[in-house]
Amino acid sequence: MLLVMGKIKIKLYQNNNPKSDQYKFFYGRAYQATPIDESTLCEHAALDSNIEKSEIATVYDAEAKQIKELVCNGHAIKVEGLGIFKIGVSSKGVSEAEIKERHPEFDPTKDDICKYLSAKQIKKARLLFTPCEEIKEALRSVKFETDKSEWETEG
């Protein structure tokens, strides 16, 4: 497989959170190039195959719809050459003490606590993505370039 050597520009970022241990520290952040829309992505895929852009767009739309539906129903989706999409949740914690306070007669085991937890503890769901090994390897080969344009001053 041919790996594309990428180059990512790094922009300067300063932590301005006074509560942070790294307050006023400088960091590099990846400069986000212009986002590529679905049409441009399908156009690029058509150039790399013998399939028409419109056919690729039809498949892309159907696949995106299916991924949304399946992930929202708890399925992890493995896309070969890309990675795995799955749902993650953030939840409010419940301590044994809190459970015992609400239900003094209750001596909870871990299984009992699982039964006690409810959808009310879930704050939000988010989509998680784990890249496949090929992408991880490609990312290790990326070269970085500092964008010093923001450092320059008129003078």
N, C-alpha and C. Protein backbone atom coordinates (compact mmCIF):
# COMPACT_ATOMS: atom_id res chain seq x y z
N MET A 1 0.84 -1.19 0.00
CA MET A 1 0.00 0.00 0.00
C MET A 1 0.88 1.25 0.00
N LEU A 2 0.52 2.22 -0.80
CA LEU A 2 1.26 3.47 -0.90
C LEU A 2 0.80 4.41 0.21
N LEU A 3 1.73 4.84 1.02
CA LEU A 3 1.40 5.81 2.06
C LEU A 3 1.75 7.20 1.56
N VAL A 4 0.83 8.11 1.74
CA VAL A 4 1.03 9.49 1.32
C VAL A 4 1.73 10.24 2.43
N MET A 5 2.86 10.82 2.13
CA MET A 5 3.57 11.62 3.13
C MET A 5 2.87 12.97 3.22
N GLY A 6 2.34 13.25 4.37
CA GLY A 6 1.63 14.50 4.56
C GLY A 6 2.51 15.55 5.22
N LYS A 7 2.06 16.77 5.14
CA LYS A 7 2.73 17.88 5.81
C LYS A 7 1.63 18.72 6.45
N ILE A 8 1.75 18.93 7.75
CA ILE A 8 0.75 19.69 8.49
C ILE A 8 1.39 20.92 9.09
N LYS A 9 0.74 22.07 8.88
CA LYS A 9 1.23 23.31 9.47
C LYS A 9 0.81 23.38 10.93
N ILE A 10 1.72 23.87 11.76
CA ILE A 10 1.46 24.02 13.19
C ILE A 10 1.36 25.51 13.51
N LYS A 11 0.29 25.88 14.21
CA LYS A 11 0.11 27.26 14.64
C LYS A 11 0.35 27.35 16.14
N LEU A 12 0.76 28.50 16.57
CA LEU A 12 1.06 28.76 17.96
C LEU A 12 -0.23 28.95 18.76
N TYR A 13 -0.27 28.37 19.95
CA TYR A 13 -1.41 28.48 20.85
C TYR A 13 -0.87 28.72 22.25
N GLN A 14 -1.48 29.65 22.99
CA GLN A 14 -1.09 29.90 24.38
C GLN A 14 -2.26 29.55 25.29
N ASN A 15 -1.96 28.80 26.34
CA ASN A 15 -2.97 28.43 27.33
C ASN A 15 -3.25 29.66 28.19
N ASN A 16 -4.46 30.19 28.10
CA ASN A 16 -4.84 31.38 28.87
C ASN A 16 -5.81 31.06 30.00
N ASN A 17 -5.83 29.81 30.43
CA ASN A 17 -6.69 29.41 31.54
C ASN A 17 -5.90 29.57 32.84
N PRO A 18 -6.22 30.59 33.65
CA PRO A 18 -5.45 30.84 34.88
C PRO A 18 -5.55 29.70 35.90
N LYS A 19 -6.52 28.81 35.78
CA LYS A 19 -6.66 27.68 36.70
C LYS A 19 -5.76 26.51 36.31
N SER A 20 -5.18 26.56 35.15
CA SER A 20 -4.36 25.46 34.65
C SER A 20 -2.94 25.52 35.18
N ASP A 21 -2.33 24.34 35.38
CA ASP A 21 -0.92 24.28 35.78
C ASP A 21 -0.01 24.78 34.66
N GLN A 22 -0.52 24.76 33.44
CA GLN A 22 0.27 25.19 32.29
C GLN A 22 -0.18 26.56 31.79
N TYR A 23 -0.69 27.38 32.69
CA TYR A 23 -1.13 28.74 32.34
C TYR A 23 0.03 29.51 31.69
N LYS A 24 -0.26 30.11 30.56
CA LYS A 24 0.67 30.92 29.76
C LYS A 24 1.72 30.09 29.02
N PHE A 25 1.63 28.76 29.08
CA PHE A 25 2.55 27.92 28.29
C PHE A 25 2.12 28.00 26.83
N PHE A 26 3.08 27.84 25.93
CA PHE A 26 2.81 27.85 24.50
C PHE A 26 2.82 26.42 23.96
N TYR A 27 1.92 26.16 23.02
CA TYR A 27 1.78 24.85 22.41
C TYR A 27 1.60 25.00 20.90
N GLY A 28 1.83 23.92 20.21
CA GLY A 28 1.53 23.88 18.79
C GLY A 28 0.20 23.20 18.58
N ARG A 29 -0.59 23.72 17.65
CA ARG A 29 -1.86 23.11 17.25
C ARG A 29 -1.83 22.93 15.75
N ALA A 30 -2.41 21.84 15.31
CA ALA A 30 -2.47 21.59 13.87
C ALA A 30 -3.38 22.63 13.23
N TYR A 31 -2.86 23.27 12.20
CA TYR A 31 -3.64 24.23 11.43
C TYR A 31 -4.65 23.45 10.61
N GLN A 32 -5.91 23.79 10.74
CA GLN A 32 -6.95 23.08 10.01
C GLN A 32 -7.14 23.74 8.64
N ALA A 33 -6.79 22.99 7.62
CA ALA A 33 -6.99 23.48 6.26
C ALA A 33 -8.49 23.54 5.98
N THR A 34 -8.86 24.10 4.86
CA THR A 34 -10.26 24.21 4.48
C THR A 34 -10.91 22.83 4.47
N PRO A 35 -12.06 22.69 5.13
CA PRO A 35 -12.73 21.39 5.13
C PRO A 35 -13.12 20.98 3.71
N ILE A 36 -13.04 19.68 3.46
CA ILE A 36 -13.43 19.13 2.17
C ILE A 36 -14.87 18.66 2.29
N ASP A 37 -15.74 19.11 1.39
CA ASP A 37 -17.14 18.69 1.45
C ASP A 37 -17.33 17.37 0.73
N GLU A 38 -18.54 16.82 0.85
CA GLU A 38 -18.86 15.52 0.27
C GLU A 38 -18.62 15.50 -1.24
N SER A 39 -19.01 16.56 -1.91
CA SER A 39 -18.87 16.62 -3.37
C SER A 39 -17.40 16.53 -3.79
N THR A 40 -16.55 17.26 -3.10
CA THR A 40 -15.12 17.24 -3.42
C THR A 40 -14.51 15.88 -3.09
N LEU A 41 -14.93 15.29 -1.98
CA LEU A 41 -14.45 13.97 -1.61
C LEU A 41 -14.84 12.94 -2.67
N CYS A 42 -16.08 13.00 -3.13
CA CYS A 42 -16.54 12.07 -4.18
C CYS A 42 -15.79 12.30 -5.48
N GLU A 43 -15.49 13.55 -5.78
CA GLU A 43 -14.73 13.88 -6.98
C GLU A 43 -13.33 13.27 -6.91
N HIS A 44 -12.69 13.39 -5.77
CA HIS A 44 -11.35 12.80 -5.57
C HIS A 44 -11.41 11.28 -5.70
N ALA A 45 -12.45 10.67 -5.12
CA ALA A 45 -12.59 9.22 -5.20
C ALA A 45 -12.81 8.78 -6.65
N ALA A 46 -13.56 9.56 -7.41
CA ALA A 46 -13.81 9.23 -8.82
C ALA A 46 -12.51 9.28 -9.63
N LEU A 47 -11.64 10.21 -9.30
CA LEU A 47 -10.35 10.31 -9.99
C LEU A 47 -9.47 9.10 -9.71
N ASP A 48 -9.70 8.47 -8.56
CA ASP A 48 -8.88 7.34 -8.12
C ASP A 48 -9.52 5.99 -8.44
N SER A 49 -10.62 6.01 -9.22
CA SER A 49 -11.31 4.77 -9.55
C SER A 49 -11.93 4.89 -10.95
N ASN A 50 -12.63 3.87 -11.37
CA ASN A 50 -13.34 3.94 -12.65
C ASN A 50 -14.84 4.08 -12.42
N ILE A 51 -15.22 4.69 -11.31
CA ILE A 51 -16.63 4.89 -10.95
C ILE A 51 -16.95 6.38 -11.08
N GLU A 52 -18.12 6.67 -11.60
CA GLU A 52 -18.56 8.06 -11.77
C GLU A 52 -18.78 8.73 -10.41
N LYS A 53 -18.53 10.03 -10.38
CA LYS A 53 -18.71 10.81 -9.15
C LYS A 53 -20.13 10.68 -8.60
N SER A 54 -21.15 10.71 -9.46
CA SER A 54 -22.54 10.62 -9.01
C SER A 54 -22.83 9.27 -8.36
N GLU A 55 -22.23 8.20 -8.87
CA GLU A 55 -22.43 6.88 -8.28
C GLU A 55 -21.76 6.80 -6.91
N ILE A 56 -20.58 7.37 -6.81
CA ILE A 56 -19.87 7.40 -5.52
C ILE A 56 -20.69 8.20 -4.51
N ALA A 57 -21.26 9.33 -4.95
CA ALA A 57 -22.06 10.17 -4.05
C ALA A 57 -23.28 9.40 -3.54
N THR A 58 -23.92 8.61 -4.41
CA THR A 58 -25.08 7.81 -4.02
C THR A 58 -24.70 6.79 -2.94
N VAL A 59 -23.58 6.11 -3.16
CA VAL A 59 -23.11 5.12 -2.18
C VAL A 59 -22.72 5.82 -0.88
N TYR A 60 -22.03 6.95 -0.99
CA TYR A 60 -21.61 7.71 0.20
C TYR A 60 -22.83 8.10 1.03
N ASP A 61 -23.87 8.64 0.38
CA ASP A 61 -25.08 9.06 1.10
C ASP A 61 -25.74 7.88 1.81
N ALA A 62 -25.84 6.75 1.11
CA ALA A 62 -26.47 5.56 1.71
C ALA A 62 -25.64 5.05 2.89
N GLU A 63 -24.34 5.03 2.72
CA GLU A 63 -23.46 4.54 3.80
C GLU A 63 -23.51 5.47 5.01
N ALA A 64 -23.49 6.77 4.79
CA ALA A 64 -23.57 7.73 5.90
C ALA A 64 -24.87 7.55 6.67
N LYS A 65 -25.97 7.35 5.94
CA LYS A 65 -27.28 7.14 6.59
C LYS A 65 -27.25 5.86 7.43
N GLN A 66 -26.70 4.80 6.88
CA GLN A 66 -26.63 3.52 7.60
C GLN A 66 -25.73 3.61 8.82
N ILE A 67 -24.59 4.28 8.69
CA ILE A 67 -23.68 4.43 9.83
C ILE A 67 -24.39 5.17 10.96
N LYS A 68 -25.08 6.27 10.64
CA LYS A 68 -25.81 7.01 11.67
C LYS A 68 -26.83 6.13 12.37
N GLU A 69 -27.63 5.42 11.57
CA GLU A 69 -28.67 4.57 12.15
C GLU A 69 -28.09 3.46 13.01
N LEU A 70 -27.09 2.76 12.51
CA LEU A 70 -26.53 1.62 13.24
C LEU A 70 -25.78 2.05 14.50
N VAL A 71 -24.99 3.11 14.40
CA VAL A 71 -24.24 3.60 15.57
C VAL A 71 -25.22 4.08 16.64
N CYS A 72 -26.29 4.76 16.24
CA CYS A 72 -27.27 5.25 17.21
C CYS A 72 -28.08 4.11 17.83
N ASN A 73 -27.94 2.90 17.30
CA ASN A 73 -28.57 1.73 17.89
C ASN A 73 -27.55 0.84 18.59
N GLY A 74 -26.37 1.38 18.87
CA GLY A 74 -25.38 0.69 19.69
C GLY A 74 -24.37 -0.16 18.95
N HIS A 75 -24.41 -0.18 17.64
CA HIS A 75 -23.45 -0.98 16.88
C HIS A 75 -22.15 -0.21 16.66
N ALA A 76 -21.03 -0.90 16.77
CA ALA A 76 -19.75 -0.34 16.32
C ALA A 76 -19.66 -0.63 14.83
N ILE A 77 -19.16 0.31 14.06
CA ILE A 77 -19.05 0.16 12.62
C ILE A 77 -17.58 0.15 12.24
N LYS A 78 -17.12 -0.97 11.68
CA LYS A 78 -15.74 -1.08 11.24
C LYS A 78 -15.70 -0.85 9.73
N VAL A 79 -15.01 0.21 9.31
CA VAL A 79 -14.85 0.52 7.90
C VAL A 79 -13.41 0.19 7.53
N GLU A 80 -13.24 -0.86 6.72
CA GLU A 80 -11.89 -1.30 6.34
C GLU A 80 -11.12 -0.13 5.73
N GLY A 81 -9.87 0.00 6.13
CA GLY A 81 -9.02 1.05 5.61
C GLY A 81 -9.25 2.40 6.26
N LEU A 82 -10.21 2.49 7.17
CA LEU A 82 -10.51 3.75 7.84
C LEU A 82 -10.45 3.58 9.35
N GLY A 83 -11.32 2.76 9.91
CA GLY A 83 -11.30 2.55 11.35
C GLY A 83 -12.66 2.15 11.87
N ILE A 84 -12.87 2.35 13.17
CA ILE A 84 -14.10 1.94 13.84
C ILE A 84 -14.80 3.16 14.42
N PHE A 85 -16.10 3.27 14.14
CA PHE A 85 -16.95 4.29 14.72
C PHE A 85 -17.80 3.61 15.79
N LYS A 86 -17.93 4.26 16.94
CA LYS A 86 -18.79 3.71 17.99
C LYS A 86 -19.27 4.83 18.89
N ILE A 87 -20.28 4.53 19.69
CA ILE A 87 -20.86 5.52 20.60
C ILE A 87 -20.14 5.45 21.95
N GLY A 88 -19.89 6.60 22.52
CA GLY A 88 -19.40 6.71 23.89
C GLY A 88 -20.39 7.58 24.65
N VAL A 89 -20.48 7.40 25.95
CA VAL A 89 -21.40 8.23 26.74
C VAL A 89 -20.65 8.83 27.92
N SER A 90 -21.14 9.97 28.36
CA SER A 90 -20.71 10.58 29.61
C SER A 90 -21.84 10.40 30.60
N SER A 91 -21.50 9.98 31.81
CA SER A 91 -22.56 9.77 32.79
C SER A 91 -22.19 10.35 34.13
N LYS A 92 -23.23 10.63 34.91
CA LYS A 92 -23.05 11.10 36.28
C LYS A 92 -22.73 9.88 37.13
N GLY A 93 -21.72 9.98 37.96
CA GLY A 93 -21.36 8.87 38.83
C GLY A 93 -22.33 8.70 39.98
N VAL A 94 -22.45 7.48 40.44
CA VAL A 94 -23.29 7.15 41.60
C VAL A 94 -22.42 6.36 42.56
N SER A 95 -22.28 6.85 43.78
CA SER A 95 -21.47 6.15 44.78
C SER A 95 -22.31 5.17 45.58
N GLU A 96 -21.63 4.20 46.19
CA GLU A 96 -22.34 3.26 47.06
C GLU A 96 -23.00 4.02 48.21
N ALA A 97 -22.30 5.03 48.73
CA ALA A 97 -22.85 5.81 49.85
C ALA A 97 -24.15 6.50 49.44
N GLU A 98 -24.19 7.04 48.23
CA GLU A 98 -25.39 7.72 47.74
C GLU A 98 -26.55 6.72 47.60
N ILE A 99 -26.24 5.54 47.11
CA ILE A 99 -27.28 4.51 46.97
C ILE A 99 -27.78 4.10 48.35
N LYS A 100 -26.85 3.87 49.31
CA LYS A 100 -27.24 3.46 50.66
C LYS A 100 -28.04 4.56 51.36
N GLU A 101 -27.70 5.82 51.07
CA GLU A 101 -28.43 6.94 51.68
C GLU A 101 -29.88 6.95 51.18
N ARG A 102 -30.07 6.71 49.91
CA ARG A 102 -31.42 6.69 49.35
C ARG A 102 -32.18 5.42 49.72
N HIS A 103 -31.45 4.32 49.86
CA HIS A 103 -32.07 3.02 50.15
C HIS A 103 -31.27 2.33 51.26
N PRO A 104 -31.50 2.69 52.54
CA PRO A 104 -30.71 2.15 53.64
C PRO A 104 -30.72 0.63 53.74
N GLU A 105 -31.79 0.00 53.29
CA GLU A 105 -31.89 -1.46 53.37
C GLU A 105 -31.07 -2.14 52.27
N PHE A 106 -30.55 -1.37 51.37
CA PHE A 106 -29.88 -1.87 50.17
C PHE A 106 -28.40 -2.07 50.46
N ASP A 107 -27.87 -3.27 50.29
CA ASP A 107 -26.45 -3.56 50.41
C ASP A 107 -25.97 -3.92 49.00
N PRO A 108 -25.56 -2.91 48.24
CA PRO A 108 -25.37 -3.13 46.81
C PRO A 108 -24.10 -3.92 46.45
N THR A 109 -24.30 -4.85 45.54
CA THR A 109 -23.17 -5.49 44.87
C THR A 109 -23.00 -4.74 43.55
N LYS A 110 -21.95 -5.05 42.84
CA LYS A 110 -21.72 -4.37 41.56
C LYS A 110 -22.90 -4.60 40.61
N ASP A 111 -23.43 -5.82 40.59
CA ASP A 111 -24.58 -6.12 39.75
C ASP A 111 -25.80 -5.30 40.16
N ASP A 112 -25.98 -5.13 41.49
CA ASP A 112 -27.10 -4.32 41.97
C ASP A 112 -26.96 -2.87 41.54
N ILE A 113 -25.73 -2.37 41.60
CA ILE A 113 -25.49 -0.98 41.20
C ILE A 113 -25.80 -0.81 39.71
N CYS A 114 -25.43 -1.80 38.89
CA CYS A 114 -25.75 -1.75 37.46
C CYS A 114 -27.25 -1.63 37.26
N LYS A 115 -28.03 -2.34 38.08
CA LYS A 115 -29.48 -2.28 37.98
C LYS A 115 -29.99 -0.91 38.44
N TYR A 116 -29.29 -0.31 39.41
CA TYR A 116 -29.71 0.98 39.96
C TYR A 116 -29.47 2.11 38.97
N LEU A 117 -28.38 2.02 38.22
CA LEU A 117 -28.08 3.06 37.25
C LEU A 117 -29.23 3.16 36.25
N SER A 118 -29.52 4.36 35.85
CA SER A 118 -30.61 4.52 34.90
C SER A 118 -30.18 5.51 33.82
N ALA A 119 -31.01 5.64 32.83
CA ALA A 119 -30.74 6.57 31.73
C ALA A 119 -30.63 8.01 32.25
N LYS A 120 -31.16 8.27 33.43
CA LYS A 120 -31.08 9.62 34.00
C LYS A 120 -29.63 10.02 34.29
N GLN A 121 -28.76 9.03 34.52
CA GLN A 121 -27.36 9.34 34.80
C GLN A 121 -26.57 9.70 33.53
N ILE A 122 -27.09 9.37 32.37
CA ILE A 122 -26.38 9.64 31.12
C ILE A 122 -26.54 11.11 30.77
N LYS A 123 -25.40 11.78 30.59
CA LYS A 123 -25.41 13.20 30.26
C LYS A 123 -25.52 13.42 28.76
N LYS A 124 -24.67 12.70 27.99
CA LYS A 124 -24.70 12.88 26.55
C LYS A 124 -23.98 11.71 25.87
N ALA A 125 -24.27 11.56 24.60
CA ALA A 125 -23.59 10.56 23.78
C ALA A 125 -22.69 11.31 22.80
N ARG A 126 -21.61 10.65 22.41
CA ARG A 126 -20.73 11.25 21.41
C ARG A 126 -20.21 10.13 20.51
N LEU A 127 -19.78 10.51 19.34
CA LEU A 127 -19.26 9.54 18.39
C LEU A 127 -17.76 9.43 18.59
N LEU A 128 -17.29 8.22 18.79
CA LEU A 128 -15.86 7.96 18.94
C LEU A 128 -15.34 7.32 17.66
N PHE A 129 -14.13 7.64 17.31
CA PHE A 129 -13.51 7.06 16.13
C PHE A 129 -12.12 6.57 16.50
N THR A 130 -11.83 5.33 16.15
CA THR A 130 -10.51 4.76 16.35
C THR A 130 -9.96 4.42 14.96
N PRO A 131 -8.90 5.10 14.55
CA PRO A 131 -8.37 4.82 13.20
C PRO A 131 -7.76 3.43 13.11
N CYS A 132 -7.77 2.88 11.89
CA CYS A 132 -7.15 1.58 11.66
C CYS A 132 -5.63 1.74 11.71
N GLU A 133 -4.93 0.63 11.75
CA GLU A 133 -3.47 0.65 11.86
C GLU A 133 -2.82 1.36 10.68
N GLU A 134 -3.39 1.23 9.47
CA GLU A 134 -2.82 1.91 8.29
C GLU A 134 -2.83 3.43 8.47
N ILE A 135 -3.91 3.96 9.02
CA ILE A 135 -3.99 5.40 9.25
C ILE A 135 -3.05 5.82 10.37
N LYS A 136 -2.97 5.01 11.43
CA LYS A 136 -2.04 5.32 12.52
C LYS A 136 -0.61 5.38 11.99
N GLU A 137 -0.27 4.42 11.14
CA GLU A 137 1.07 4.38 10.55
C GLU A 137 1.30 5.61 9.67
N ALA A 138 0.30 5.98 8.86
CA ALA A 138 0.42 7.16 8.01
C ALA A 138 0.61 8.42 8.85
N LEU A 139 -0.10 8.51 9.98
CA LEU A 139 0.04 9.68 10.85
C LEU A 139 1.43 9.77 11.47
N ARG A 140 2.05 8.61 11.72
CA ARG A 140 3.42 8.63 12.26
C ARG A 140 4.42 9.19 11.25
N SER A 141 4.08 9.14 9.97
CA SER A 141 5.01 9.61 8.94
C SER A 141 4.78 11.08 8.57
N VAL A 142 3.75 11.71 9.15
CA VAL A 142 3.45 13.10 8.82
C VAL A 142 4.59 14.01 9.28
N LYS A 143 4.95 14.95 8.45
CA LYS A 143 5.95 15.96 8.79
C LYS A 143 5.23 17.22 9.22
N PHE A 144 5.84 17.95 10.12
CA PHE A 144 5.22 19.17 10.64
C PHE A 144 6.04 20.38 10.24
N GLU A 145 5.34 21.46 9.99
CA GLU A 145 5.96 22.71 9.56
C GLU A 145 5.35 23.83 10.38
N THR A 146 6.18 24.65 10.99
CA THR A 146 5.68 25.74 11.82
C THR A 146 5.22 26.90 10.94
N ASP A 147 4.02 27.38 11.19
CA ASP A 147 3.49 28.55 10.49
C ASP A 147 3.86 29.77 11.32
N LYS A 148 4.92 30.45 10.90
CA LYS A 148 5.42 31.59 11.68
C LYS A 148 4.80 32.91 11.24
N SER A 149 3.85 32.87 10.30
CA SER A 149 3.27 34.11 9.78
C SER A 149 2.62 34.94 10.88
N GLU A 150 2.04 34.28 11.88
CA GLU A 150 1.39 35.02 12.95
C GLU A 150 2.41 35.63 13.93
N TRP A 151 3.65 35.19 13.86
CA TRP A 151 4.67 35.73 14.75
C TRP A 151 5.27 37.02 14.20
N GLU A 152 5.15 37.19 12.89
CA GLU A 152 5.78 38.35 12.25
C GLU A 152 5.04 39.62 12.64
N THR A 153 5.79 40.68 12.85
CA THR A 153 5.18 41.96 13.19
C THR A 153 5.57 42.98 12.15
N GLU A 154 4.65 43.93 11.96
CA GLU A 154 4.96 45.00 11.01
C GLU A 154 5.91 45.97 11.69
N GLY A 155 6.84 46.45 10.96
CA GLY A 155 7.74 47.32 11.66
C GLY A 155 8.48 48.16 10.76
